[in-house]
């Protein structure tokens, strides 16, 4: 997959499984990708959550997106960068994560933290061709 194909695949399949590192232990959880643009894949989490602390301590991640319909797995490995963009937080809460409105009303916008992955390596896999295919570097 090239850069555009990666972005389109993620737009169609916004939920990933994100692996982070907590000291020397792996941690994995499902994460929605609420904002996808030419700059990369942006994630939103609670500032006090373990995932936020883990990303601040070690920005290395691997994301795994799966499409049952296409029978394709896309894995992206790279570094997350913390973003300080209140307007983007507002956009995400207003359009994608509306369930967070009461949280920010009570605790303010600093209760949310944004992270973006902009560069890294991507690999695809499918059961029809179980050898990993198309390992590519990407730069958004």
C-alpha atoms as a PDB file:
ATOM      1  CA  UNK A   1       0.000   0.000   0.000  1.00  0.00           C
ATOM      2  CA  UNK A   2       1.136   3.510  -0.678  1.00  0.00           C
ATOM      3  CA  UNK A   3       0.421   6.514   1.539  1.00  0.00           C
ATOM      4  CA  UNK A   4      -2.985   7.289   0.015  1.00  0.00           C
ATOM      5  CA  UNK A   5      -4.068   3.647   0.189  1.00  0.00           C
ATOM      6  CA  UNK A   6      -3.044   3.518   3.873  1.00  0.00           C
ATOM      7  CA  UNK A   7      -5.120   6.624   4.656  1.00  0.00           C
ATOM      8  CA  UNK A   8      -8.138   5.288   2.761  1.00  0.00           C
ATOM      9  CA  UNK A   9      -7.896   1.890   4.468  1.00  0.00           C
ATOM     10  CA  UNK A  10      -7.822   3.558   7.903  1.00  0.00           C
ATOM     11  CA  UNK A  11     -10.760   5.827   6.967  1.00  0.00           C
ATOM     12  CA  UNK A  12     -12.769   2.689   6.157  1.00  0.00           C
ATOM     13  CA  UNK A  13     -11.530   0.810   9.252  1.00  0.00           C
ATOM     14  CA  UNK A  14     -11.011   3.389  12.001  1.00  0.00           C
ATOM     15  CA  UNK A  15     -10.577   1.024  14.953  1.00  0.00           C
ATOM     16  CA  UNK A  16      -7.069  -0.250  15.594  1.00  0.00           C
ATOM     17  CA  UNK A  17      -5.431  -2.293  18.273  1.00  0.00           C
ATOM     18  CA  UNK A  18      -2.663  -0.114  19.681  1.00  0.00           C
ATOM     19  CA  UNK A  19       0.359  -1.649  21.367  1.00  0.00           C
ATOM     20  CA  UNK A  20       2.349   0.529  23.756  1.00  0.00           C
ATOM     21  CA  UNK A  21       5.142  -0.193  26.215  1.00  0.00           C
ATOM     22  CA  UNK A  22       4.750   0.148  29.985  1.00  0.00           C
ATOM     23  CA  UNK A  23       8.297  -0.053  31.383  1.00  0.00           C
ATOM     24  CA  UNK A  24       9.246  -3.338  29.710  1.00  0.00           C
ATOM     25  CA  UNK A  25       5.754  -4.846  29.363  1.00  0.00           C
ATOM     26  CA  UNK A  26       3.558  -4.607  26.240  1.00  0.00           C
ATOM     27  CA  UNK A  27       0.033  -3.218  26.548  1.00  0.00           C
ATOM     28  CA  UNK A  28      -2.643  -3.523  23.847  1.00  0.00           C
ATOM     29  CA  UNK A  29      -6.084  -1.958  23.578  1.00  0.00           C
ATOM     30  CA  UNK A  30      -8.638  -1.069  20.913  1.00  0.00           C
ATOM     31  CA  UNK A  31      -8.486   2.592  19.911  1.00  0.00           C
ATOM     32  CA  UNK A  32     -10.574   4.531  17.438  1.00  0.00           C
ATOM     33  CA  UNK A  33      -8.773   6.877  15.059  1.00  0.00           C
ATOM     34  CA  UNK A  34     -10.938  10.007  15.238  1.00  0.00           C
ATOM     35  CA  UNK A  35      -8.938  12.222  12.885  1.00  0.00           C
ATOM     36  CA  UNK A  36      -7.171  11.203   9.679  1.00  0.00           C
ATOM     37  CA  UNK A  37      -5.572  13.721   7.357  1.00  0.00           C
ATOM     38  CA  UNK A  38      -2.465  14.398   5.285  1.00  0.00           C
ATOM     39  CA  UNK A  39      -0.464  14.893   8.509  1.00  0.00           C
ATOM     40  CA  UNK A  40      -1.138  11.393   9.816  1.00  0.00           C
ATOM     41  CA  UNK A  41      -3.375   9.486  12.202  1.00  0.00           C
ATOM     42  CA  UNK A  42      -4.526  11.369  15.309  1.00  0.00           C
ATOM     43  CA  UNK A  43      -5.731   9.746  18.530  1.00  0.00           C
ATOM     44  CA  UNK A  44      -7.463  11.250  21.564  1.00  0.00           C
ATOM     45  CA  UNK A  45      -7.266   9.907  25.108  1.00  0.00           C
ATOM     46  CA  UNK A  46      -7.809  11.007  28.660  1.00  0.00           C
ATOM     47  CA  UNK A  47      -4.821  12.818  30.135  1.00  0.00           C
ATOM     48  CA  UNK A  48      -4.934  10.693  33.300  1.00  0.00           C
ATOM     49  CA  UNK A  49      -5.241   7.343  31.496  1.00  0.00           C
ATOM     50  CA  UNK A  50      -2.465   4.758  31.472  1.00  0.00           C
ATOM     51  CA  UNK A  51      -2.160   4.950  27.680  1.00  0.00           C
ATOM     52  CA  UNK A  52      -1.389   8.678  27.894  1.00  0.00           C
ATOM     53  CA  UNK A  53       1.287   8.090  30.515  1.00  0.00           C
ATOM     54  CA  UNK A  54       2.744   5.223  28.471  1.00  0.00           C
ATOM     55  CA  UNK A  55       2.938   7.303  25.273  1.00  0.00           C
ATOM     56  CA  UNK A  56       4.553  10.203  27.110  1.00  0.00           C
ATOM     57  CA  UNK A  57       7.163   7.858  28.618  1.00  0.00           C
ATOM     58  CA  UNK A  58       7.793   5.854  25.414  1.00  0.00           C
ATOM     59  CA  UNK A  59       6.307   7.082  22.142  1.00  0.00           C
ATOM     60  CA  UNK A  60       6.861   3.805  20.239  1.00  0.00           C
ATOM     61  CA  UNK A  61       3.633   2.159  19.063  1.00  0.00           C
ATOM     62  CA  UNK A  62       2.324  -0.440  16.717  1.00  0.00           C
ATOM     63  CA  UNK A  63      -1.207  -0.166  15.365  1.00  0.00           C
ATOM     64  CA  UNK A  64      -3.101  -3.066  13.839  1.00  0.00           C
ATOM     65  CA  UNK A  65      -6.165  -2.368  11.676  1.00  0.00           C
ATOM     66  CA  UNK A  66      -8.301  -5.244  10.349  1.00  0.00           C
ATOM     67  CA  UNK A  67     -10.920  -5.355   7.612  1.00  0.00           C
ATOM     68  CA  UNK A  68     -13.089  -8.472   7.714  1.00  0.00           C
ATOM     69  CA  UNK A  69     -14.654  -7.569   4.358  1.00  0.00           C
ATOM     70  CA  UNK A  70     -11.330  -7.060   2.581  1.00  0.00           C
ATOM     71  CA  UNK A  71      -9.563  -9.725   4.650  1.00  0.00           C
ATOM     72  CA  UNK A  72      -6.584  -7.418   5.071  1.00  0.00           C
ATOM     73  CA  UNK A  73      -4.606  -6.545   8.167  1.00  0.00           C
ATOM     74  CA  UNK A  74      -2.606  -3.311   8.173  1.00  0.00           C
ATOM     75  CA  UNK A  75       0.095  -2.862  10.796  1.00  0.00           C
ATOM     76  CA  UNK A  76       1.752   0.510  11.311  1.00  0.00           C
ATOM     77  CA  UNK A  77       4.788   0.967  13.540  1.00  0.00           C
ATOM     78  CA  UNK A  78       6.217   4.338  14.490  1.00  0.00           C
ATOM     79  CA  UNK A  79       6.434   7.095  17.071  1.00  0.00           C
ATOM     80  CA  UNK A  80       3.552   9.092  18.508  1.00  0.00           C
ATOM     81  CA  UNK A  81       3.935  12.829  18.961  1.00  0.00           C
ATOM     82  CA  UNK A  82       1.860  14.724  21.530  1.00  0.00           C
ATOM     83  CA  UNK A  83      -0.183  17.536  19.995  1.00  0.00           C
ATOM     84  CA  UNK A  84      -1.269  20.741  21.694  1.00  0.00           C
ATOM     85  CA  UNK A  85      -4.220  21.697  19.504  1.00  0.00           C
ATOM     86  CA  UNK A  86      -7.373  22.722  21.356  1.00  0.00           C
ATOM     87  CA  UNK A  87      -9.253  23.394  18.109  1.00  0.00           C
ATOM     88  CA  UNK A  88      -8.599  19.823  16.947  1.00  0.00           C
ATOM     89  CA  UNK A  89      -9.764  18.500  20.330  1.00  0.00           C
ATOM     90  CA  UNK A  90     -12.981  20.511  19.912  1.00  0.00           C
ATOM     91  CA  UNK A  91     -13.450  19.179  16.384  1.00  0.00           C
ATOM     92  CA  UNK A  92     -12.985  15.560  17.529  1.00  0.00           C
ATOM     93  CA  UNK A  93     -15.400  15.945  20.463  1.00  0.00           C
ATOM     94  CA  UNK A  94     -18.013  17.721  18.333  1.00  0.00           C
ATOM     95  CA  UNK A  95     -17.879  15.305  15.375  1.00  0.00           C
ATOM     96  CA  UNK A  96     -16.609  11.913  16.534  1.00  0.00           C
ATOM     97  CA  UNK A  97     -16.365  11.566  20.332  1.00  0.00           C
ATOM     98  CA  UNK A  98     -19.559  13.348  21.356  1.00  0.00           C
ATOM     99  CA  UNK A  99     -19.722  11.123  24.463  1.00  0.00           C
ATOM    100  CA  UNK A 100     -16.830  13.213  25.848  1.00  0.00           C
ATOM    101  CA  UNK A 101     -18.800  16.493  25.902  1.00  0.00           C
ATOM    102  CA  UNK A 102     -19.876  16.120  29.564  1.00  0.00           C
ATOM    103  CA  UNK A 103     -16.292  15.243  30.546  1.00  0.00           C
ATOM    104  CA  UNK A 104     -14.798  18.388  29.017  1.00  0.00           C
ATOM    105  CA  UNK A 105     -17.666  20.495  30.366  1.00  0.00           C
ATOM    106  CA  UNK A 106     -16.823  19.273  33.856  1.00  0.00           C
ATOM    107  CA  UNK A 107     -13.009  19.082  33.694  1.00  0.00           C
ATOM    108  CA  UNK A 108     -11.952  21.296  30.767  1.00  0.00           C
ATOM    109  CA  UNK A 109     -10.038  20.603  27.561  1.00  0.00           C
ATOM    110  CA  UNK A 110      -6.823  19.712  29.396  1.00  0.00           C
ATOM    111  CA  UNK A 111      -8.487  16.461  30.443  1.00  0.00           C
ATOM    112  CA  UNK A 112      -7.875  15.247  26.865  1.00  0.00           C
ATOM    113  CA  UNK A 113      -4.552  14.635  25.144  1.00  0.00           C
ATOM    114  CA  UNK A 114      -3.960  14.209  21.418  1.00  0.00           C
ATOM    115  CA  UNK A 115      -1.244  12.066  19.846  1.00  0.00           C
ATOM    116  CA  UNK A 116      -0.338  11.710  16.163  1.00  0.00           C
ATOM    117  CA  UNK A 117       1.687   9.187  14.221  1.00  0.00           C
ATOM    118  CA  UNK A 118       3.110  10.798  11.091  1.00  0.00           C
ATOM    119  CA  UNK A 119       5.908   8.494   9.948  1.00  0.00           C
ATOM    120  CA  UNK A 120       6.835   4.878  10.313  1.00  0.00           C
ATOM    121  CA  UNK A 121       6.585   1.515   8.604  1.00  0.00           C
ATOM    122  CA  UNK A 122       3.433  -0.182   7.352  1.00  0.00           C
ATOM    123  CA  UNK A 123       2.832  -3.830   6.489  1.00  0.00           C
ATOM    124  CA  UNK A 124      -0.190  -5.604   5.123  1.00  0.00           C
ATOM    125  CA  UNK A 125      -1.193  -9.230   5.562  1.00  0.00           C
ATOM    126  CA  UNK A 126      -4.028 -11.364   4.276  1.00  0.00           C
ATOM    127  CA  UNK A 127      -5.051 -14.986   4.855  1.00  0.00           C
ATOM    128  CA  UNK A 128      -5.019 -15.560   1.096  1.00  0.00           C
ATOM    129  CA  UNK A 129      -1.324 -14.644   1.111  1.00  0.00           C
ATOM    130  CA  UNK A 130      -0.096 -15.340   4.661  1.00  0.00           C
ATOM    131  CA  UNK A 131       3.410 -14.011   4.004  1.00  0.00           C
ATOM    132  CA  UNK A 132       3.520 -10.319   4.917  1.00  0.00           C
ATOM    133  CA  UNK A 133       3.142  -8.261   1.784  1.00  0.00           C
ATOM    134  CA  UNK A 134       3.983  -4.721   0.815  1.00  0.00           C
ATOM    135  CA  UNK A 135       6.251  -3.607   3.663  1.00  0.00           C
ATOM    136  CA  UNK A 136       6.581   0.118   3.053  1.00  0.00           C
ATOM    137  CA  UNK A 137       7.814   3.192   4.842  1.00  0.00           C
ATOM    138  CA  UNK A 138       5.275   5.980   5.020  1.00  0.00           C
ATOM    139  CA  UNK A 139       5.501   9.682   5.629  1.00  0.00           C
ATOM    140  CA  UNK A 140       2.295  11.685   5.886  1.00  0.00           C
END
